[in-house]
C-alpha atoms as a PDB file:
ATOM      1  CA  MET A   1      35.113  12.518 -29.791  1.00  0.00           C
ATOM      2  CA  LYS A   2      38.856  12.013 -30.372  1.00  0.00           C
ATOM      3  CA  PRO A   3      41.578  13.064 -27.871  1.00  0.00           C
ATOM      4  CA  VAL A   4      44.495  14.985 -29.411  1.00  0.00           C
ATOM      5  CA  GLY A   5      46.625  15.463 -26.310  1.00  0.00           C
ATOM      6  CA  GLU A   6      46.870  16.410 -22.634  1.00  0.00           C
ATOM      7  CA  ILE A   7      47.554  19.632 -20.779  1.00  0.00           C
ATOM      8  CA  LYS A   8      48.758  20.125 -17.224  1.00  0.00           C
ATOM      9  CA  THR A   9      47.264  23.022 -15.324  1.00  0.00           C
ATOM     10  CA  ILE A  10      46.676  24.424 -11.849  1.00  0.00           C
ATOM     11  CA  LEU A  11      43.195  24.507 -10.327  1.00  0.00           C
ATOM     12  CA  THR A  12      42.419  26.732  -7.335  1.00  0.00           C
ATOM     13  CA  LEU A  13      39.255  26.776  -5.252  1.00  0.00           C
ATOM     14  CA  ASP A  14      39.206  28.844  -2.066  1.00  0.00           C
ATOM     15  CA  TYR A  15      42.265  27.613  -0.138  1.00  0.00           C
ATOM     16  CA  PHE A  16      42.789  24.461  -2.183  1.00  0.00           C
ATOM     17  CA  THR A  17      45.239  24.360  -5.094  1.00  0.00           C
ATOM     18  CA  ILE A  18      45.995  21.225  -7.070  1.00  0.00           C
ATOM     19  CA  GLU A  19      47.906  20.328 -10.214  1.00  0.00           C
ATOM     20  CA  THR A  20      45.983  18.138 -12.623  1.00  0.00           C
ATOM     21  CA  GLU A  21      45.718  17.082 -16.258  1.00  0.00           C
ATOM     22  CA  PHE A  22      42.983  17.724 -18.792  1.00  0.00           C
ATOM     23  CA  ILE A  23      42.440  15.762 -21.996  1.00  0.00           C
ATOM     24  CA  VAL A  24      42.075  17.926 -25.104  1.00  0.00           C
ATOM     25  CA  ILE A  25      39.686  16.757 -27.830  1.00  0.00           C
ATOM     26  CA  ASP A  26      39.542  17.580 -31.543  1.00  0.00           C
ATOM     27  CA  LYS A  27      36.169  19.343 -31.544  1.00  0.00           C
ATOM     28  CA  VAL A  28      34.743  22.458 -29.939  1.00  0.00           C
ATOM     29  CA  TYR A  29      31.642  21.925 -27.784  1.00  0.00           C
ATOM     30  CA  LYS A  30      29.411  24.512 -26.170  1.00  0.00           C
ATOM     31  CA  SER A  31      29.651  22.712 -22.840  1.00  0.00           C
ATOM     32  CA  ARG A  32      32.332  23.592 -20.299  1.00  0.00           C
ATOM     33  CA  SER A  33      35.272  21.424 -19.293  1.00  0.00           C
ATOM     34  CA  ILE A  34      34.379  18.263 -17.428  1.00  0.00           C
ATOM     35  CA  ILE A  35      35.960  17.625 -14.029  1.00  0.00           C
ATOM     36  CA  GLY A  36      36.103  14.033 -12.839  1.00  0.00           C
ATOM     37  CA  LEU A  37      35.468  12.475  -9.441  1.00  0.00           C
ATOM     38  CA  PRO A  38      39.141  12.436  -8.245  1.00  0.00           C
ATOM     39  CA  ILE A  39      39.455  16.198  -8.777  1.00  0.00           C
ATOM     40  CA  LEU A  40      36.142  16.888  -7.050  1.00  0.00           C
ATOM     41  CA  LYS A  41      37.390  14.960  -4.028  1.00  0.00           C
ATOM     42  CA  GLU A  42      40.743  16.767  -3.946  1.00  0.00           C
ATOM     43  CA  LEU A  43      39.013  20.153  -4.058  1.00  0.00           C
ATOM     44  CA  LYS A  44      36.693  19.026  -1.237  1.00  0.00           C
ATOM     45  CA  LEU A  45      33.619  19.615  -3.382  1.00  0.00           C
ATOM     46  CA  ILE A  46      32.228  16.244  -2.342  1.00  0.00           C
ATOM     47  CA  LYS A  47      32.837  14.154   0.737  1.00  0.00           C
ATOM     48  CA  ASN A  48      32.877  10.468   1.425  1.00  0.00           C
ATOM     49  CA  VAL A  49      30.254   9.416   3.943  1.00  0.00           C
ATOM     50  CA  ASP A  50      31.117   6.451   6.118  1.00  0.00           C
ATOM     51  CA  LEU A  51      27.957   4.398   6.549  1.00  0.00           C
ATOM     52  CA  ILE A  52      27.724   1.717   9.203  1.00  0.00           C
ATOM     53  CA  ALA A  53      25.156  -0.918   8.292  1.00  0.00           C
ATOM     54  CA  THR A  54      22.736  -1.527  11.169  1.00  0.00           C
ATOM     55  CA  LYS A  55      20.246  -3.796   9.430  1.00  0.00           C
ATOM     56  CA  HIS A  56      20.911  -6.701  11.769  1.00  0.00           C
ATOM     57  CA  ASN A  57      20.434  -4.585  14.881  1.00  0.00           C
ATOM     58  CA  ASN A  58      17.224  -3.110  13.470  1.00  0.00           C
ATOM     59  CA  GLU A  59      15.876  -6.586  12.817  1.00  0.00           C
ATOM     60  CA  LEU A  60      16.631  -7.601  16.389  1.00  0.00           C
ATOM     61  CA  ASN A  61      14.924  -4.503  17.740  1.00  0.00           C
ATOM     62  CA  GLN A  62      11.944  -5.088  15.469  1.00  0.00           C
ATOM     63  CA  ASN A  63      11.577  -8.706  16.546  1.00  0.00           C
ATOM     64  CA  LYS A  64      11.815  -7.701  20.197  1.00  0.00           C
ATOM     65  CA  PHE A  65       9.210  -4.983  19.686  1.00  0.00           C
ATOM     66  CA  VAL A  66       6.826  -7.457  18.022  1.00  0.00           C
ATOM     67  CA  GLU A  67       7.304 -10.000  20.830  1.00  0.00           C
ATOM     68  CA  MET A  68       6.459  -7.343  23.411  1.00  0.00           C
ATOM     69  CA  ASN A  69       3.239  -6.446  21.559  1.00  0.00           C
ATOM     70  CA  LEU A  70       1.999  -9.753  20.177  1.00  0.00           C
ATOM     71  CA  ASP A  71      -1.631  -8.843  20.814  1.00  0.00           C
ATOM     72  CA  VAL A  72      -1.558  -6.235  18.022  1.00  0.00           C
ATOM     73  CA  PHE A  73       0.620  -8.184  15.592  1.00  0.00           C
ATOM     74  CA  GLU A  74      -1.350 -11.434  15.512  1.00  0.00           C
ATOM     75  CA  GLY A  75      -4.592 -12.149  13.708  1.00  0.00           C
ATOM     76  CA  VAL A  76      -6.765  -9.509  12.041  1.00  0.00           C
ATOM     77  CA  GLY A  77      -7.254  -6.229  13.865  1.00  0.00           C
ATOM     78  CA  CYS A  78     -10.597  -4.504  14.207  1.00  0.00           C
ATOM     79  CA  PHE A  79     -11.773  -0.948  14.792  1.00  0.00           C
ATOM     80  CA  PRO A  80     -14.417  -0.579  17.541  1.00  0.00           C
ATOM     81  CA  ASP A  81     -17.117   0.858  15.267  1.00  0.00           C
ATOM     82  CA  VAL A  82     -19.578  -1.132  13.162  1.00  0.00           C
ATOM     83  CA  CYS A  83     -20.108   0.429   9.741  1.00  0.00           C
ATOM     84  CA  SER A  84     -23.312   0.584   7.746  1.00  0.00           C
ATOM     85  CA  LEU A  85     -23.587   0.700   3.954  1.00  0.00           C
ATOM     86  CA  LYS A  86     -26.317   3.085   2.804  1.00  0.00           C
ATOM     87  CA  LEU A  87     -28.291   2.477  -0.401  1.00  0.00           C
ATOM     88  CA  LYS A  88     -29.979   5.070  -2.600  1.00  0.00           C
ATOM     89  CA  GLU A  89     -33.769   5.197  -2.427  1.00  0.00           C
ATOM     90  CA  GLY A  90     -35.855   3.078  -4.782  1.00  0.00           C
ATOM     91  CA  ILE A  91     -33.085   0.582  -5.504  1.00  0.00           C
ATOM     92  CA  ILE A  92     -33.972  -2.853  -6.880  1.00  0.00           C
ATOM     93  CA  PRO A  93     -31.623  -5.588  -5.556  1.00  0.00           C
ATOM     94  CA  LYS A  94     -29.551  -7.508  -8.076  1.00  0.00           C
ATOM     95  CA  ALA A  95     -28.407 -11.131  -7.935  1.00  0.00           C
ATOM     96  CA  SER A  96     -25.563 -11.742 -10.400  1.00  0.00           C
ATOM     97  CA  ILE A  97     -25.034 -15.064 -12.142  1.00  0.00           C
ATOM     98  CA  ALA A  98     -22.057 -16.919 -10.672  1.00  0.00           C
ATOM     99  CA  ARG A  99     -18.853 -17.015 -12.707  1.00  0.00           C
ATOM    100  CA  ARG A 100     -16.780 -20.117 -13.207  1.00  0.00           C
ATOM    101  CA  VAL A 101     -13.484 -20.379 -11.334  1.00  0.00           C
ATOM    102  CA  PRO A 102     -10.399 -21.778 -13.123  1.00  0.00           C
ATOM    103  CA  ILE A 103      -9.747 -25.377 -12.082  1.00  0.00           C
ATOM    104  CA  LYS A 104      -6.085 -24.662 -11.284  1.00  0.00           C
ATOM    105  CA  ILE A 105      -7.016 -22.331  -8.399  1.00  0.00           C
ATOM    106  CA  LYS A 106     -10.205 -24.068  -7.242  1.00  0.00           C
ATOM    107  CA  ASP A 107      -8.526 -25.980  -4.406  1.00  0.00           C
ATOM    108  CA  LYS A 108      -6.652 -22.854  -3.301  1.00  0.00           C
ATOM    109  CA  LEU A 109      -9.909 -20.924  -3.320  1.00  0.00           C
ATOM    110  CA  LYS A 110     -11.599 -23.476  -1.068  1.00  0.00           C
ATOM    111  CA  LEU A 111      -8.726 -23.264   1.430  1.00  0.00           C
ATOM    112  CA  LYS A 112      -8.837 -19.460   1.316  1.00  0.00           C
ATOM    113  CA  LEU A 113     -12.567 -19.409   1.997  1.00  0.00           C
ATOM    114  CA  GLU A 114     -12.112 -21.767   4.949  1.00  0.00           C
ATOM    115  CA  GLU A 115      -9.336 -19.530   6.283  1.00  0.00           C
ATOM    116  CA  LEU A 116     -11.509 -16.411   6.042  1.00  0.00           C
ATOM    117  CA  VAL A 117     -14.389 -18.180   7.799  1.00  0.00           C
ATOM    118  CA  LYS A 118     -12.086 -19.139  10.692  1.00  0.00           C
ATOM    119  CA  LYS A 119     -10.931 -15.517  10.946  1.00  0.00           C
ATOM    120  CA  ASN A 120     -14.543 -14.271  10.989  1.00  0.00           C
ATOM    121  CA  ILE A 121     -14.007 -12.258   7.817  1.00  0.00           C
ATOM    122  CA  ILE A 122     -16.757 -14.100   5.924  1.00  0.00           C
ATOM    123  CA  THR A 123     -19.491 -16.556   6.858  1.00  0.00           C
ATOM    124  CA  PRO A 124     -21.576 -19.049   4.859  1.00  0.00           C
ATOM    125  CA  MET A 125     -24.903 -17.648   3.661  1.00  0.00           C
ATOM    126  CA  ASP A 126     -27.527 -20.299   4.387  1.00  0.00           C
ATOM    127  CA  GLU A 127     -30.608 -18.270   3.468  1.00  0.00           C
ATOM    128  CA  PRO A 128     -31.824 -16.631   0.245  1.00  0.00           C
ATOM    129  CA  SER A 129     -30.312 -13.217  -0.445  1.00  0.00           C
ATOM    130  CA  GLU A 130     -31.652 -10.401  -2.617  1.00  0.00           C
ATOM    131  CA  TRP A 131     -28.098  -9.254  -3.294  1.00  0.00           C
ATOM    132  CA  VAL A 132     -25.562 -11.685  -4.761  1.00  0.00           C
ATOM    133  CA  ASN A 133     -22.300 -10.309  -6.137  1.00  0.00           C
ATOM    134  CA  ASN A 134     -19.700 -11.885  -8.349  1.00  0.00           C
ATOM    135  CA  LEU A 135     -16.393 -13.023  -6.900  1.00  0.00           C
ATOM    136  CA  VAL A 136     -12.987 -11.841  -8.102  1.00  0.00           C
ATOM    137  CA  VAL A 137      -9.978 -13.960  -7.149  1.00  0.00           C
ATOM    138  CA  VAL A 138      -6.650 -12.122  -7.298  1.00  0.00           C
ATOM    139  CA  GLN A 139      -3.435 -14.130  -7.204  1.00  0.00           C
ATOM    140  CA  LYS A 140      -0.728 -12.167  -5.384  1.00  0.00           C
ATOM    141  CA  PRO A 141       3.026 -12.323  -6.216  1.00  0.00           C
ATOM    142  CA  ASP A 142       3.570 -14.910  -3.463  1.00  0.00           C
ATOM    143  CA  SER A 143       0.901 -17.140  -5.122  1.00  0.00           C
ATOM    144  CA  SER A 144      -1.569 -16.605  -2.270  1.00  0.00           C
ATOM    145  CA  LEU A 145      -5.114 -15.492  -3.109  1.00  0.00           C
ATOM    146  CA  ARG A 146      -7.050 -12.363  -2.284  1.00  0.00           C
ATOM    147  CA  ILE A 147     -10.837 -12.570  -2.336  1.00  0.00           C
ATOM    148  CA  CYS A 148     -12.566  -9.475  -3.705  1.00  0.00           C
ATOM    149  CA  LEU A 149     -16.099  -8.579  -4.643  1.00  0.00           C
ATOM    150  CA  ASP A 150     -17.061  -7.468  -8.117  1.00  0.00           C
ATOM    151  CA  PRO A 151     -20.053  -5.455  -6.901  1.00  0.00           C
ATOM    152  CA  LYS A 152     -20.738  -3.487 -10.073  1.00  0.00           C
ATOM    153  CA  GLU A 153     -24.484  -3.260  -9.471  1.00  0.00           C
ATOM    154  CA  LEU A 154     -24.105  -2.698  -5.724  1.00  0.00           C
ATOM    155  CA  ASN A 155     -21.539   0.086  -6.195  1.00  0.00           C
ATOM    156  CA  ASN A 156     -23.980   1.965  -8.431  1.00  0.00           C
ATOM    157  CA  CYS A 157     -26.504   1.893  -5.594  1.00  0.00           C
ATOM    158  CA  LEU A 158     -24.285   2.906  -2.666  1.00  0.00           C
ATOM    159  CA  VAL A 159     -24.380   6.392  -1.152  1.00  0.00           C
ATOM    160  CA  ARG A 160     -20.819   7.691  -0.823  1.00  0.00           C
ATOM    161  CA  GLU A 161     -19.719   9.938   2.030  1.00  0.00           C
ATOM    162  CA  GLN A 162     -17.163  11.752  -0.163  1.00  0.00           C
ATOM    163  CA  TYR A 163     -14.686  11.624   2.714  1.00  0.00           C
ATOM    164  CA  PRO A 164     -11.309  12.996   1.486  1.00  0.00           C
ATOM    165  CA  VAL A 165      -8.534  10.448   0.939  1.00  0.00           C
ATOM    166  CA  PRO A 166      -5.059  12.086   0.718  1.00  0.00           C
ATOM    167  CA  THR A 167      -2.812  11.523  -2.285  1.00  0.00           C
ATOM    168  CA  LEU A 168       0.956  11.035  -2.276  1.00  0.00           C
ATOM    169  CA  GLU A 169       1.377  14.599  -3.587  1.00  0.00           C
ATOM    170  CA  GLU A 170      -0.514  15.928  -0.551  1.00  0.00           C
ATOM    171  CA  ILE A 171       1.429  13.801   1.937  1.00  0.00           C
ATOM    172  CA  THR A 172       4.972  14.394   0.613  1.00  0.00           C
ATOM    173  CA  PRO A 173       5.309  18.046   1.803  1.00  0.00           C
ATOM    174  CA  LYS A 174       4.427  16.922   5.341  1.00  0.00           C
ATOM    175  CA  LEU A 175       7.475  14.632   5.409  1.00  0.00           C
ATOM    176  CA  ILE A 176      10.022  17.391   4.782  1.00  0.00           C
ATOM    177  CA  ASN A 177      12.573  18.167   7.527  1.00  0.00           C
ATOM    178  CA  LYS A 178      11.587  15.194   9.668  1.00  0.00           C
ATOM    179  CA  LYS A 179      14.270  13.289  11.569  1.00  0.00           C
ATOM    180  CA  TYR A 180      12.699   9.869  12.081  1.00  0.00           C
ATOM    181  CA  TYR A 181      10.468   7.899   9.734  1.00  0.00           C
ATOM    182  CA  SER A 182       8.566   4.680  10.329  1.00  0.00           C
ATOM    183  CA  VAL A 183       6.149   2.680   8.188  1.00  0.00           C
ATOM    184  CA  LEU A 184       3.407   0.461   9.608  1.00  0.00           C
ATOM    185  CA  ASP A 185       1.339  -1.714   7.294  1.00  0.00           C
ATOM    186  CA  LEU A 186      -2.242  -2.247   8.413  1.00  0.00           C
ATOM    187  CA  ARG A 187      -2.458  -5.699   6.881  1.00  0.00           C
ATOM    188  CA  ASP A 188      -5.673  -6.427   4.972  1.00  0.00           C
ATOM    189  CA  GLY A 189      -6.753  -2.948   6.002  1.00  0.00           C
ATOM    190  CA  TYR A 190     -10.423  -3.061   4.997  1.00  0.00           C
ATOM    191  CA  TYR A 191     -10.936  -6.208   7.058  1.00  0.00           C
ATOM    192  CA  HIS A 192     -10.411  -4.073  10.179  1.00  0.00           C
ATOM    193  CA  ILE A 193     -13.914  -2.631   9.734  1.00  0.00           C
ATOM    194  CA  LYS A 194     -16.974  -4.606  10.856  1.00  0.00           C
ATOM    195  CA  LEU A 195     -20.222  -4.435   8.896  1.00  0.00           C
ATOM    196  CA  ASP A 196     -23.665  -4.487  10.455  1.00  0.00           C
ATOM    197  CA  GLU A 197     -25.847  -7.470   9.510  1.00  0.00           C
ATOM    198  CA  LYS A 198     -27.850  -5.640   6.857  1.00  0.00           C
ATOM    199  CA  SER A 199     -24.721  -4.347   5.137  1.00  0.00           C
ATOM    200  CA  SER A 200     -23.133  -7.774   5.415  1.00  0.00           C
ATOM    201  CA  LYS A 201     -26.007  -9.278   3.417  1.00  0.00           C
ATOM    202  CA  TYR A 202     -25.456  -6.684   0.681  1.00  0.00           C
ATOM    203  CA  CYS A 203     -21.967  -8.189   0.374  1.00  0.00           C
ATOM    204  CA  THR A 204     -23.104 -11.746  -0.360  1.00  0.00           C
ATOM    205  CA  PHE A 205     -21.116 -13.474  -3.110  1.00  0.00           C
ATOM    206  CA  SER A 206     -21.341 -16.774  -4.945  1.00  0.00           C
ATOM    207  CA  THR A 207     -18.633 -19.435  -5.179  1.00  0.00           C
ATOM    208  CA  PRO A 208     -18.441 -23.037  -6.438  1.00  0.00           C
ATOM    209  CA  PHE A 209     -18.780 -23.995  -2.762  1.00  0.00           C
ATOM    210  CA  GLY A 210     -21.946 -22.045  -2.013  1.00  0.00           C
ATOM    211  CA  ASN A 211     -22.760 -18.448  -1.099  1.00  0.00           C
ATOM    212  CA  PHE A 212     -20.902 -16.447   1.548  1.00  0.00           C
ATOM    213  CA  ARG A 213     -21.225 -12.933   2.916  1.00  0.00           C
ATOM    214  CA  PHE A 214     -18.582 -10.560   4.209  1.00  0.00           C
ATOM    215  CA  LEU A 215     -18.655  -9.718   7.907  1.00  0.00           C
ATOM    216  CA  ARG A 216     -15.951  -7.097   7.331  1.00  0.00           C
ATOM    217  CA  LEU A 217     -15.560  -4.351   4.731  1.00  0.00           C
ATOM    218  CA  ALA A 218     -14.862  -6.019   1.385  1.00  0.00           C
ATOM    219  CA  PHE A 219     -12.227  -5.164  -1.190  1.00  0.00           C
ATOM    220  CA  GLY A 220     -13.999  -3.929  -4.325  1.00  0.00           C
ATOM    221  CA  LEU A 221     -16.609  -1.683  -2.709  1.00  0.00           C
ATOM    222  CA  SER A 222     -16.528   1.875  -4.055  1.00  0.00           C
ATOM    223  CA  VAL A 223     -17.054   3.303  -0.560  1.00  0.00           C
ATOM    224  CA  ALA A 224     -14.295   1.217   1.067  1.00  0.00           C
ATOM    225  CA  PRO A 225     -11.424   3.766   0.804  1.00  0.00           C
ATOM    226  CA  GLU A 226     -13.543   6.534   2.329  1.00  0.00           C
ATOM    227  CA  LEU A 227     -14.844   4.402   5.203  1.00  0.00           C
ATOM    228  CA  PHE A 228     -11.343   3.087   5.884  1.00  0.00           C
ATOM    229  CA  MET A 229      -9.849   6.588   5.877  1.00  0.00           C
ATOM    230  CA  LYS A 230     -12.568   7.858   8.212  1.00  0.00           C
ATOM    231  CA  GLN A 231     -11.868   5.123  10.770  1.00  0.00           C
ATOM    232  CA  ASN A 232      -8.120   5.732  10.635  1.00  0.00           C
ATOM    233  CA  GLU A 233      -8.614   9.457  11.182  1.00  0.00           C
ATOM    234  CA  LYS A 234     -10.994   8.838  14.068  1.00  0.00           C
ATOM    235  CA  TYR A 235      -8.724   6.516  16.034  1.00  0.00           C
ATOM    236  CA  LEU A 236      -5.216   7.537  14.911  1.00  0.00           C
ATOM    237  CA  GLY A 237      -5.699  11.137  13.812  1.00  0.00           C
ATOM    238  CA  ASP A 238      -4.718  12.656  17.164  1.00  0.00           C
ATOM    239  CA  ILE A 239      -1.200  11.175  16.913  1.00  0.00           C
ATOM    240  CA  GLU A 240       1.179  13.898  15.749  1.00  0.00           C
ATOM    241  CA  GLY A 241       2.976  13.203  12.481  1.00  0.00           C
ATOM    242  CA  VAL A 242       0.791  10.291  11.347  1.00  0.00           C
ATOM    243  CA  ASN A 243      -0.042  10.170   7.627  1.00  0.00           C
ATOM    244  CA  TYR A 244      -2.056   7.615   5.685  1.00  0.00           C
ATOM    245  CA  LEU A 245      -1.297   6.240   2.237  1.00  0.00           C
ATOM    246  CA  PHE A 246      -3.165   3.381   0.578  1.00  0.00           C
END
């Protein structure tokens, strides 16, 4: 594309008239003439929006809000109900052989297990268990660990409720024409659901430091999203405008 000259001309749009220059090129294109940003502004086709940054004020308000409601922002929350995992009939329990844990994360894993015991998320399993699942250790971007089950055999035996979990495509239309938006993260969401003792024993897992069982709903269970969604709907579903995405 090679310019061969310039031409001055008058542009009129509604009540606005301006004199401007166009650059002429040496080839003919099917596209129309291109108008730049300065001309668009002069013809009032676009407007500048003055934006006042309020990030600092929002942070102050957020901190104040958290301080006023520390009881719901500290520790791990918990729904009132105790959930039960249901197994299909005629199931034979399976105890998986323990996997080795990389040496470089072994110390971190021990600390994480101790932390979860203190928070009553897991507890040591001091008796024989018919169900023993493998452990999956996920290292998050901040280098902390997430403890998950790899309950392949258990998942095949669980009865699912088939409770609907909304997708982003289903939620997006509900957000149209709203004035205010807010996002709350239910941290470690599945841990907000207690398991009854029988279900807890299904969620036994092996580690280099002995066997443990989950007292709360474990990450990795095939039924976890449905049970979690059901509890959210039960206790938050009557709040207008609330949507769930996980």
